[in-house]
Every structure is written in C-alpha cells, then in structure tokens.
Amino acid sequence: MLSFKSLLTPNQTLMVPGAFNAISAKLAQQAGAQAVYVSGAGMCNGVLGLPDVGAATLDELATHVGHIARAVSVPVIADADTGFGEAINVARTVERYEREGASGLHLEDQILPKRCGHLAGKQLIATVAMVEKITVAVQHRQDSQFCLIARTDARAVEGFESAVNRAKAYADAGADMIFAEALETLDELERFVKAVDLPILANMTEFGKTPMLTLQQFQSVGVAAVIYPMTAFRVMLKAVGDTYAQLLATGTQQGILERMTTRQQLYDLLGYIP
C-alpha cells in the first residue's frame, strides 16, 4: 500500500473523502478515492450517537479506524482528537493507530472537552504543551512514513497570526503536515500556505466557517490535501431518515427499491461469492 505522504505532490491537491465505516470506505475507493479520512465526529455521531466533544476513548476510535483501514487498499488518515490525554497518552495513541493500519493521524490543540472545529467556544492548550505532544508523537512512531498532522484551531480563538505562529512551532517540533482548521476565506488559506513551510491540509466541511470552495480553488492557493469528513455521512443520514419515514407511512418499501443498492451490487462490493 502507498503511504499517504507519497500521495502529496506539488501543484496537485489531493481530495480525501470521509468514510464513516468500513463499507463506506470501500465505496470511496470504488469511486476512485486515492485515500480516505476517518472523522472523530463521524465515529461519535454514527457509532456512539454522541456529539463530537471528545467522548470517544482511544480504544473505541482506534478500533473503528482499524476496521476501515483493513477494508481498503488505499491510505487511511484519521482523527485522533487531542491525543486522548497529555503527551504521555499521545505516545500510546500513535502506537495504536499505526498498529491498526492507519497511514497517519492528526492531533489538535484544543483542551478537553473539545468542540467541533467550526463551533464557537473552543479553548486551546498552550503552544508549548502542543509542541510536547508532537515531539512525543515523532519519538514514538515506528514508521517514518506515518504522517503526523498537527491541527490548530487558533484562527477562531486567537486570530489568524496566532494560528500561523502555532503552525510554525508545530512544524519545528516535527509535524509532517499542518491542518489549518476553520480558516474563513480563500485569501486566508493562501496566506497560510505561503507562511508555513509544510504541506497544508484543509477541511471542506459543510455548514461551517470555511466557505464552499472547489478542489480547483484549493489547488490554486497551494493546499496539499482537502478532507470532506462528513459529506457522505450527512447524505446518508438524510436518505436513511427519508427511508424510515416512507416505510412507516406506506407500510412497504416497494416505492424505494430503485434507490437501493441491490443484493448483487452489495456482494460485488464485499467480494462475496455466495
């Protein structure tokens, strides 16, 4: 399997769809995705039925990541929230994610309980504390190709310049990539890319602080990769909710058969020969 790092090439922005479980990851790969992303929010919302506040444990999220990584042959990068504790906990987080088959993870500089990156009310740990987490992560990864991504939520809390300064400190600590969360304009993305001497990961989530931008727009300002963490999940929720409503209202699924994946299509996706 290629590493996620090997997919990052100059002047080419990598699109990384979010997969919320193993079979959705298979669908992403079938559609042509070169890598997939595992969202902590998707796991908390979809598996635990909880909001994205850091309630998932290392074991829960890493196990989920492992199921997805083993289902596909493309690199999987995954949300590791705040590392599930302090720097000493980050060591175990990196070791576990590598063991589960992830190609990389990102750590964020929020305190617990954390908040979705596009909501107000976030609080940050000190820069020096995040630097310590990144340093420990670098020391404890076994494979140099395992991609350590440092996420900063500073734009919404301390302002753009603080986000840049934190990103530079995280780069100096050994991060391979910077995740600039919740930047608010294409111009900010361009300035961030120019200011930080590492590949930049952007988050094109819906209904958030970042305007809806195309892959071509991200590429025009030099963003290395873009994740779409909850896009398929949100479409799935709408479709499932509509299905339940129609089934309960009509007493039959006859009217929604054409919207279903067939039995044979499912078997083909799974590689199952009955």
C-alpha atoms as a PDB file:
ATOM      1  CA  MET A   1       0.000   0.000   0.000  1.00  0.00           C
ATOM      2  CA  LEU A   2       1.184   3.508  -0.793  1.00  0.00           C
ATOM      3  CA  SER A   3       1.710   5.832   2.148  1.00  0.00           C
ATOM      4  CA  PHE A   4      -0.364   8.976   2.494  1.00  0.00           C
ATOM      5  CA  LYS A   5       2.818  11.040   2.357  1.00  0.00           C
ATOM      6  CA  SER A   6       3.698   9.592  -1.050  1.00  0.00           C
ATOM      7  CA  LEU A   7       0.401  10.900  -2.468  1.00  0.00           C
ATOM      8  CA  LEU A   8       1.263  14.515  -1.632  1.00  0.00           C
ATOM      9  CA  THR A   9       2.755  16.123  -4.717  1.00  0.00           C
ATOM     10  CA  PRO A  10       3.494  19.762  -5.556  1.00  0.00           C
ATOM     11  CA  ASN A  11       0.864  21.638  -7.572  1.00  0.00           C
ATOM     12  CA  GLN A  12      -1.682  18.843  -7.075  1.00  0.00           C
ATOM     13  CA  THR A  13      -4.322  18.954  -4.358  1.00  0.00           C
ATOM     14  CA  LEU A  14      -5.384  15.563  -3.038  1.00  0.00           C
ATOM     15  CA  MET A  15      -9.099  15.056  -2.401  1.00  0.00           C
ATOM     16  CA  VAL A  16      -9.703  12.838   0.642  1.00  0.00           C
ATOM     17  CA  PRO A  17     -13.353  11.809   1.180  1.00  0.00           C
ATOM     18  CA  GLY A  18     -14.542  10.972   4.667  1.00  0.00           C
ATOM     19  CA  ALA A  19     -15.527   7.365   5.391  1.00  0.00           C
ATOM     20  CA  PHE A  20     -17.738   6.735   8.417  1.00  0.00           C
ATOM     21  CA  ASN A  21     -17.397   2.946   8.421  1.00  0.00           C
ATOM     22  CA  ALA A  22     -15.663   0.142   6.550  1.00  0.00           C
ATOM     23  CA  ILE A  23     -18.211  -0.283   3.777  1.00  0.00           C
ATOM     24  CA  SER A  24     -18.376   3.454   3.064  1.00  0.00           C
ATOM     25  CA  ALA A  25     -14.583   3.372   2.736  1.00  0.00           C
ATOM     26  CA  LYS A  26     -14.951   0.586   0.177  1.00  0.00           C
ATOM     27  CA  LEU A  27     -17.402   2.738  -1.758  1.00  0.00           C
ATOM     28  CA  ALA A  28     -14.998   5.700  -1.675  1.00  0.00           C
ATOM     29  CA  GLN A  29     -12.197   3.527  -3.028  1.00  0.00           C
ATOM     30  CA  GLN A  30     -14.506   2.057  -5.676  1.00  0.00           C
ATOM     31  CA  ALA A  31     -15.359   5.610  -6.788  1.00  0.00           C
ATOM     32  CA  GLY A  32     -11.671   6.393  -7.262  1.00  0.00           C
ATOM     33  CA  ALA A  33     -10.536   7.938  -3.964  1.00  0.00           C
ATOM     34  CA  GLN A  34      -6.766   7.673  -3.503  1.00  0.00           C
ATOM     35  CA  ALA A  35      -7.071   7.973   0.279  1.00  0.00           C
ATOM     36  CA  VAL A  36      -9.849   8.162   2.858  1.00  0.00           C
ATOM     37  CA  TYR A  37     -10.305  10.110   6.069  1.00  0.00           C
ATOM     38  CA  VAL A  38     -11.857   8.877   9.309  1.00  0.00           C
ATOM     39  CA  SER A  39     -13.609  11.626  11.250  1.00  0.00           C
ATOM     40  CA  GLY A  40     -13.886  11.563  15.021  1.00  0.00           C
ATOM     41  CA  ALA A  41     -17.211  13.319  14.672  1.00  0.00           C
ATOM     42  CA  GLY A  42     -18.433  10.623  12.292  1.00  0.00           C
ATOM     43  CA  MET A  43     -17.479   7.917  14.771  1.00  0.00           C
ATOM     44  CA  CYS A  44     -19.002   9.697  17.788  1.00  0.00           C
ATOM     45  CA  ASN A  45     -22.176  10.631  15.921  1.00  0.00           C
ATOM     46  CA  GLY A  46     -22.651   7.449  13.919  1.00  0.00           C
ATOM     47  CA  VAL A  47     -21.396   4.721  16.245  1.00  0.00           C
ATOM     48  CA  LEU A  48     -21.970   6.162  19.716  1.00  0.00           C
ATOM     49  CA  GLY A  49     -24.837   8.554  18.967  1.00  0.00           C
ATOM     50  CA  LEU A  50     -22.949  11.323  20.769  1.00  0.00           C
ATOM     51  CA  PRO A  51     -21.830  14.839  19.792  1.00  0.00           C
ATOM     52  CA  ASP A  52     -18.210  15.495  18.840  1.00  0.00           C
ATOM     53  CA  VAL A  53     -16.902  16.553  22.256  1.00  0.00           C
ATOM     54  CA  GLY A  54     -14.055  14.089  22.694  1.00  0.00           C
ATOM     55  CA  ALA A  55     -16.183  11.477  24.459  1.00  0.00           C
ATOM     56  CA  ALA A  56     -14.794   8.545  22.445  1.00  0.00           C
ATOM     57  CA  THR A  57     -11.931   6.597  24.007  1.00  0.00           C
ATOM     58  CA  LEU A  58      -8.669   5.661  22.324  1.00  0.00           C
ATOM     59  CA  ASP A  59      -9.792   2.045  22.110  1.00  0.00           C
ATOM     60  CA  GLU A  60     -13.153   2.922  20.542  1.00  0.00           C
ATOM     61  CA  LEU A  61     -11.781   5.259  17.907  1.00  0.00           C
ATOM     62  CA  ALA A  62      -8.657   3.238  17.092  1.00  0.00           C
ATOM     63  CA  THR A  63     -10.701   0.053  16.703  1.00  0.00           C
ATOM     64  CA  HIS A  64     -13.027   1.911  14.338  1.00  0.00           C
ATOM     65  CA  VAL A  65     -10.018   3.169  12.353  1.00  0.00           C
ATOM     66  CA  GLY A  66      -8.662  -0.365  12.162  1.00  0.00           C
ATOM     67  CA  HIS A  67     -11.890  -1.760  10.712  1.00  0.00           C
ATOM     68  CA  ILE A  68     -11.745   0.887   7.977  1.00  0.00           C
ATOM     69  CA  ALA A  69      -8.021   0.526   7.265  1.00  0.00           C
ATOM     70  CA  ARG A  70      -8.356  -3.239   6.819  1.00  0.00           C
ATOM     71  CA  ALA A  71     -11.289  -2.840   4.427  1.00  0.00           C
ATOM     72  CA  VAL A  72      -9.411  -0.842   1.778  1.00  0.00           C
ATOM     73  CA  SER A  73      -6.076  -0.789  -0.006  1.00  0.00           C
ATOM     74  CA  VAL A  74      -5.676   2.996  -0.029  1.00  0.00           C
ATOM     75  CA  PRO A  75      -4.095   5.053   2.776  1.00  0.00           C
ATOM     76  CA  VAL A  76      -6.309   5.987   5.709  1.00  0.00           C
ATOM     77  CA  ILE A  77      -5.698   9.110   7.767  1.00  0.00           C
ATOM     78  CA  ALA A  78      -7.640   9.533  10.954  1.00  0.00           C
ATOM     79  CA  ASP A  79      -8.757  11.979  13.590  1.00  0.00           C
ATOM     80  CA  ALA A  80      -7.082  11.395  16.960  1.00  0.00           C
ATOM     81  CA  ASP A  81      -8.748  14.340  18.706  1.00  0.00           C
ATOM     82  CA  THR A  82      -6.396  15.734  21.369  1.00  0.00           C
ATOM     83  CA  GLY A  83      -4.408  12.503  21.597  1.00  0.00           C
ATOM     84  CA  PHE A  84      -6.678  11.159  24.354  1.00  0.00           C
ATOM     85  CA  GLY A  85      -4.849  12.974  27.126  1.00  0.00           C
ATOM     86  CA  GLU A  86      -1.484  14.590  27.700  1.00  0.00           C
ATOM     87  CA  ALA A  87       1.828  13.903  25.976  1.00  0.00           C
ATOM     88  CA  ILE A  88       2.259  10.549  27.709  1.00  0.00           C
ATOM     89  CA  ASN A  89      -1.080   9.435  26.251  1.00  0.00           C
ATOM     90  CA  VAL A  90      -0.095  10.610  22.760  1.00  0.00           C
ATOM     91  CA  ALA A  91       2.676   8.010  22.720  1.00  0.00           C
ATOM     92  CA  ARG A  92       0.139   5.207  23.100  1.00  0.00           C
ATOM     93  CA  THR A  93      -2.198   6.844  20.581  1.00  0.00           C
ATOM     94  CA  VAL A  94       0.435   6.901  17.841  1.00  0.00           C
ATOM     95  CA  GLU A  95       1.493   3.336  18.560  1.00  0.00           C
ATOM     96  CA  ARG A  96      -2.107   2.108  18.461  1.00  0.00           C
ATOM     97  CA  TYR A  97      -3.080   3.930  15.258  1.00  0.00           C
ATOM     98  CA  GLU A  98      -0.005   2.564  13.491  1.00  0.00           C
ATOM     99  CA  ARG A  99      -0.818  -0.929  14.697  1.00  0.00           C
ATOM    100  CA  GLU A 100      -4.384  -0.603  13.403  1.00  0.00           C
ATOM    101  CA  GLY A 101      -3.080   0.186   9.910  1.00  0.00           C
ATOM    102  CA  ALA A 102      -3.621   3.934   9.657  1.00  0.00           C
ATOM    103  CA  SER A 103      -1.306   5.849   7.348  1.00  0.00           C
ATOM    104  CA  GLY A 104      -1.426   8.952   9.551  1.00  0.00           C
ATOM    105  CA  LEU A 105      -3.343  10.855  12.200  1.00  0.00           C
ATOM    106  CA  HIS A 106      -3.968  14.400  13.300  1.00  0.00           C
ATOM    107  CA  LEU A 107      -3.746  15.850  16.789  1.00  0.00           C
ATOM    108  CA  GLU A 108      -5.436  19.116  17.712  1.00  0.00           C
ATOM    109  CA  ASP A 109      -4.513  21.883  20.139  1.00  0.00           C
ATOM    110  CA  GLN A 110      -7.841  22.142  21.954  1.00  0.00           C
ATOM    111  CA  ILE A 111      -8.437  21.355  25.615  1.00  0.00           C
ATOM    112  CA  LEU A 112     -10.934  18.722  26.718  1.00  0.00           C
ATOM    113  CA  PRO A 113     -13.873  18.743  26.442  1.00  0.00           C
ATOM    114  CA  LYS A 114     -13.166  19.722  22.858  1.00  0.00           C
ATOM    115  CA  ARG A 115     -15.645  21.171  20.390  1.00  0.00           C
ATOM    116  CA  CYS A 116     -16.270  20.787  16.680  1.00  0.00           C
ATOM    117  CA  GLY A 117     -13.700  22.927  14.909  1.00  0.00           C
ATOM    118  CA  HIS A 118     -16.377  25.114  13.308  1.00  0.00           C
ATOM    119  CA  LEU A 119     -18.256  25.973  16.514  1.00  0.00           C
ATOM    120  CA  ALA A 120     -17.695  28.906  18.847  1.00  0.00           C
ATOM    121  CA  GLY A 121     -16.436  28.461  22.392  1.00  0.00           C
ATOM    122  CA  LYS A 122     -13.243  26.492  21.700  1.00  0.00           C
ATOM    123  CA  GLN A 123     -10.314  26.734  24.116  1.00  0.00           C
ATOM    124  CA  LEU A 124      -6.684  25.931  23.354  1.00  0.00           C
ATOM    125  CA  ILE A 125      -3.828  24.380  25.262  1.00  0.00           C
ATOM    126  CA  ALA A 126      -0.576  26.343  25.426  1.00  0.00           C
ATOM    127  CA  THR A 127       1.663  26.181  22.369  1.00  0.00           C
ATOM    128  CA  VAL A 128       4.429  24.569  24.428  1.00  0.00           C
ATOM    129  CA  ALA A 129       2.050  21.795  25.527  1.00  0.00           C
ATOM    130  CA  MET A 130       1.095  21.021  21.938  1.00  0.00           C
ATOM    131  CA  VAL A 131       4.747  21.078  20.907  1.00  0.00           C
ATOM    132  CA  GLU A 132       5.419  18.475  23.604  1.00  0.00           C
ATOM    133  CA  LYS A 133       2.648  16.263  22.214  1.00  0.00           C
ATOM    134  CA  ILE A 134       4.070  16.480  18.692  1.00  0.00           C
ATOM    135  CA  THR A 135       7.591  15.768  19.933  1.00  0.00           C
ATOM    136  CA  VAL A 136       6.380  12.643  21.723  1.00  0.00           C
ATOM    137  CA  ALA A 137       4.409  11.564  18.647  1.00  0.00           C
ATOM    138  CA  VAL A 138       7.529  11.841  16.485  1.00  0.00           C
ATOM    139  CA  GLN A 139       9.565   9.850  19.007  1.00  0.00           C
ATOM    140  CA  HIS A 140       7.054   7.017  19.243  1.00  0.00           C
ATOM    141  CA  ARG A 141       6.069   6.365  15.642  1.00  0.00           C
ATOM    142  CA  GLN A 142       7.681   3.251  14.238  1.00  0.00           C
ATOM    143  CA  ASP A 143       7.429   4.081  10.530  1.00  0.00           C
ATOM    144  CA  SER A 144       8.830   7.379   9.282  1.00  0.00           C
ATOM    145  CA  GLN A 145       6.166   7.301   6.541  1.00  0.00           C
ATOM    146  CA  PHE A 146       3.402   7.504   9.157  1.00  0.00           C
ATOM    147  CA  CYS A 147       2.083  11.042   8.662  1.00  0.00           C
ATOM    148  CA  LEU A 148       1.851  13.197  11.794  1.00  0.00           C
ATOM    149  CA  ILE A 149      -0.549  16.058  11.166  1.00  0.00           C
ATOM    150  CA  ALA A 150      -0.790  18.922  13.651  1.00  0.00           C
ATOM    151  CA  ARG A 151      -4.147  20.652  13.704  1.00  0.00           C
ATOM    152  CA  THR A 152      -4.509  24.166  15.027  1.00  0.00           C
ATOM    153  CA  ASP A 153      -7.865  25.655  15.984  1.00  0.00           C
ATOM    154  CA  ALA A 154      -6.276  29.012  16.789  1.00  0.00           C
ATOM    155  CA  ARG A 155      -7.868  31.009  13.949  1.00  0.00           C
ATOM    156  CA  ALA A 156     -11.219  31.196  15.727  1.00  0.00           C
ATOM    157  CA  VAL A 157      -9.779  31.652  19.221  1.00  0.00           C
ATOM    158  CA  GLU A 158      -6.624  33.770  18.961  1.00  0.00           C
ATOM    159  CA  GLY A 159      -6.721  35.036  15.377  1.00  0.00           C
ATOM    160  CA  PHE A 160      -5.006  34.308  12.088  1.00  0.00           C
ATOM    161  CA  GLU A 161      -1.477  35.354  13.067  1.00  0.00           C
ATOM    162  CA  SER A 162      -1.555  33.173  16.160  1.00  0.00           C
ATOM    163  CA  ALA A 163      -2.634  30.219  14.014  1.00  0.00           C
ATOM    164  CA  VAL A 164       0.380  30.816  11.756  1.00  0.00           C
ATOM    165  CA  ASN A 165       2.759  31.130  14.701  1.00  0.00           C
ATOM    166  CA  ARG A 166       1.444  27.968  16.283  1.00  0.00           C
ATOM    167  CA  ALA A 167       1.748  26.128  12.969  1.00  0.00           C
ATOM    168  CA  LYS A 168       5.397  27.178  12.668  1.00  0.00           C
ATOM    169  CA  ALA A 169       6.105  25.920  16.181  1.00  0.00           C
ATOM    170  CA  TYR A 170       4.404  22.615  15.400  1.00  0.00           C
ATOM    171  CA  ALA A 171       6.448  22.318  12.207  1.00  0.00           C
ATOM    172  CA  ASP A 172       9.654  22.900  14.176  1.00  0.00           C
ATOM    173  CA  ALA A 173       8.567  20.152  16.596  1.00  0.00           C
ATOM    174  CA  GLY A 174       8.498  17.628  13.749  1.00  0.00           C
ATOM    175  CA  ALA A 175       4.964  17.605  12.345  1.00  0.00           C
ATOM    176  CA  ASP A 176       4.787  16.431   8.730  1.00  0.00           C
ATOM    177  CA  MET A 177       1.714  18.468   7.818  1.00  0.00           C
ATOM    178  CA  ILE A 178      -0.415  21.261   9.272  1.00  0.00           C
ATOM    179  CA  PHE A 179      -4.203  21.105   9.466  1.00  0.00           C
ATOM    180  CA  ALA A 180      -5.427  24.717   9.448  1.00  0.00           C
ATOM    181  CA  GLU A 181      -8.922  24.429  10.878  1.00  0.00           C
ATOM    182  CA  ALA A 182     -11.759  26.863  10.150  1.00  0.00           C
ATOM    183  CA  LEU A 183      -9.982  29.436   8.012  1.00  0.00           C
ATOM    184  CA  GLU A 184     -12.601  31.832   6.741  1.00  0.00           C
ATOM    185  CA  THR A 185     -11.574  32.894   3.222  1.00  0.00           C
ATOM    186  CA  LEU A 186      -9.595  31.653   0.245  1.00  0.00           C
ATOM    187  CA  ASP A 187      -7.197  34.542   0.856  1.00  0.00           C
ATOM    188  CA  GLU A 188      -6.526  33.288   4.384  1.00  0.00           C
ATOM    189  CA  LEU A 189      -5.748  29.851   3.015  1.00  0.00           C
ATOM    190  CA  GLU A 190      -3.324  31.324   0.512  1.00  0.00           C
ATOM    191  CA  ARG A 191      -1.575  33.418   3.172  1.00  0.00           C
ATOM    192  CA  PHE A 192      -1.354  30.412   5.473  1.00  0.00           C
ATOM    193  CA  VAL A 193       0.172  28.219   2.775  1.00  0.00           C
ATOM    194  CA  LYS A 194       2.773  30.892   1.997  1.00  0.00           C
ATOM    195  CA  ALA A 195       3.625  31.451   5.671  1.00  0.00           C
ATOM    196  CA  VAL A 196       4.102  27.823   6.743  1.00  0.00           C
ATOM    197  CA  ASP A 197       6.809  25.658   5.220  1.00  0.00           C
ATOM    198  CA  LEU A 198       4.894  22.374   5.353  1.00  0.00           C
ATOM    199  CA  PRO A 199       2.079  20.822   3.324  1.00  0.00           C
ATOM    200  CA  ILE A 200      -1.282  22.238   4.415  1.00  0.00           C
ATOM    201  CA  LEU A 201      -4.438  20.177   4.985  1.00  0.00           C
ATOM    202  CA  ALA A 202      -7.791  21.955   4.679  1.00  0.00           C
ATOM    203  CA  ASN A 203     -11.227  20.888   5.854  1.00  0.00           C
ATOM    204  CA  MET A 204     -14.109  21.394   3.403  1.00  0.00           C
ATOM    205  CA  THR A 205     -16.896  20.597   5.803  1.00  0.00           C
ATOM    206  CA  GLU A 206     -20.436  21.758   5.095  1.00  0.00           C
ATOM    207  CA  PHE A 207     -22.237  24.462   7.082  1.00  0.00           C
ATOM    208  CA  GLY A 208     -19.021  25.659   8.728  1.00  0.00           C
ATOM    209  CA  LYS A 209     -16.722  28.680   8.871  1.00  0.00           C
ATOM    210  CA  THR A 210     -14.896  27.900   5.625  1.00  0.00           C
ATOM    211  CA  PRO A 211     -16.853  28.915   2.505  1.00  0.00           C
ATOM    212  CA  MET A 212     -17.729  26.234  -0.022  1.00  0.00           C
ATOM    213  CA  LEU A 213     -14.652  26.038  -2.226  1.00  0.00           C
ATOM    214  CA  THR A 214     -13.901  23.766  -5.158  1.00  0.00           C
ATOM    215  CA  LEU A 215     -10.892  21.498  -5.354  1.00  0.00           C
ATOM    216  CA  GLN A 216      -9.570  23.763  -8.106  1.00  0.00           C
ATOM    217  CA  GLN A 217      -9.737  26.770  -5.784  1.00  0.00           C
ATOM    218  CA  PHE A 218      -7.823  24.922  -3.076  1.00  0.00           C
ATOM    219  CA  GLN A 219      -5.257  23.908  -5.675  1.00  0.00           C
ATOM    220  CA  SER A 220      -4.905  27.488  -6.906  1.00  0.00           C
ATOM    221  CA  VAL A 221      -3.581  28.574  -3.485  1.00  0.00           C
ATOM    222  CA  GLY A 222      -1.320  25.579  -2.941  1.00  0.00           C
ATOM    223  CA  VAL A 223      -3.285  23.489  -0.410  1.00  0.00           C
ATOM    224  CA  ALA A 224      -1.799  19.981  -0.377  1.00  0.00           C
ATOM    225  CA  ALA A 225      -4.902  17.994   0.579  1.00  0.00           C
ATOM    226  CA  VAL A 226      -8.564  18.564   1.420  1.00  0.00           C
ATOM    227  CA  ILE A 227     -10.749  16.371   3.604  1.00  0.00           C
ATOM    228  CA  TYR A 228     -14.529  16.067   3.270  1.00  0.00           C
ATOM    229  CA  PRO A 229     -15.179  14.494   6.669  1.00  0.00           C
ATOM    230  CA  MET A 230     -18.964  14.363   6.961  1.00  0.00           C
ATOM    231  CA  THR A 231     -20.224  14.816   3.389  1.00  0.00           C
ATOM    232  CA  ALA A 232     -21.266  11.216   2.762  1.00  0.00           C
ATOM    233  CA  PHE A 233     -22.401  10.824   6.367  1.00  0.00           C
ATOM    234  CA  ARG A 234     -24.812  13.750   6.090  1.00  0.00           C
ATOM    235  CA  VAL A 235     -26.226  12.454   2.792  1.00  0.00           C
ATOM    236  CA  MET A 236     -26.609   9.007   4.360  1.00  0.00           C
ATOM    237  CA  LEU A 237     -28.489  10.410   7.361  1.00  0.00           C
ATOM    238  CA  LYS A 238     -30.927  12.273   5.116  1.00  0.00           C
ATOM    239  CA  ALA A 239     -31.501   9.192   2.946  1.00  0.00           C
ATOM    240  CA  VAL A 240     -31.986   6.872   5.921  1.00  0.00           C
ATOM    241  CA  GLY A 241     -34.346   9.283   7.646  1.00  0.00           C
ATOM    242  CA  ASP A 242     -36.423   9.641   4.484  1.00  0.00           C
ATOM    243  CA  THR A 243     -36.489   5.861   4.070  1.00  0.00           C
ATOM    244  CA  TYR A 244     -37.788   5.226   7.569  1.00  0.00           C
ATOM    245  CA  ALA A 245     -40.422   7.920   7.156  1.00  0.00           C
ATOM    246  CA  GLN A 246     -41.667   6.476   3.857  1.00  0.00           C
ATOM    247  CA  LEU A 247     -41.616   2.881   5.100  1.00  0.00           C
ATOM    248  CA  LEU A 248     -43.624   3.761   8.200  1.00  0.00           C
ATOM    249  CA  ALA A 249     -46.046   5.933   6.237  1.00  0.00           C
ATOM    250  CA  THR A 250     -46.756   3.471   3.410  1.00  0.00           C
ATOM    251  CA  GLY A 251     -46.192   0.070   5.004  1.00  0.00           C
ATOM    252  CA  THR A 252     -43.974  -1.101   2.132  1.00  0.00           C
ATOM    253  CA  GLN A 253     -40.546  -0.490   0.645  1.00  0.00           C
ATOM    254  CA  GLN A 254     -41.872  -1.018  -2.880  1.00  0.00           C
ATOM    255  CA  GLY A 255     -41.626   2.681  -3.744  1.00  0.00           C
ATOM    256  CA  ILE A 256     -37.962   2.996  -2.781  1.00  0.00           C
ATOM    257  CA  LEU A 257     -36.454  -0.094  -4.392  1.00  0.00           C
ATOM    258  CA  GLU A 258     -34.907   1.956  -7.194  1.00  0.00           C
ATOM    259  CA  ARG A 259     -32.950   3.962  -4.594  1.00  0.00           C
ATOM    260  CA  MET A 260     -31.352   0.847  -3.103  1.00  0.00           C
ATOM    261  CA  THR A 261     -28.070  -0.893  -3.732  1.00  0.00           C
ATOM    262  CA  THR A 262     -29.080  -4.333  -4.952  1.00  0.00           C
ATOM    263  CA  ARG A 263     -28.112  -7.584  -3.259  1.00  0.00           C
ATOM    264  CA  GLN A 264     -25.697  -8.378  -6.098  1.00  0.00           C
ATOM    265  CA  GLN A 265     -24.116  -4.927  -6.011  1.00  0.00           C
ATOM    266  CA  LEU A 266     -23.524  -5.334  -2.285  1.00  0.00           C
ATOM    267  CA  TYR A 267     -21.990  -8.767  -2.763  1.00  0.00           C
ATOM    268  CA  ASP A 268     -19.744  -7.409  -5.518  1.00  0.00           C
ATOM    269  CA  LEU A 269     -18.583  -4.583  -3.255  1.00  0.00           C
ATOM    270  CA  LEU A 270     -17.774  -7.077  -0.497  1.00  0.00           C
ATOM    271  CA  GLY A 271     -16.100  -9.511  -2.861  1.00  0.00           C
ATOM    272  CA  TYR A 272     -18.559 -12.187  -1.756  1.00  0.00           C
ATOM    273  CA  ILE A 273     -19.401 -15.134  -3.975  1.00  0.00           C
ATOM    274  CA  PRO A 274     -22.400 -16.972  -2.448  1.00  0.00           C
END
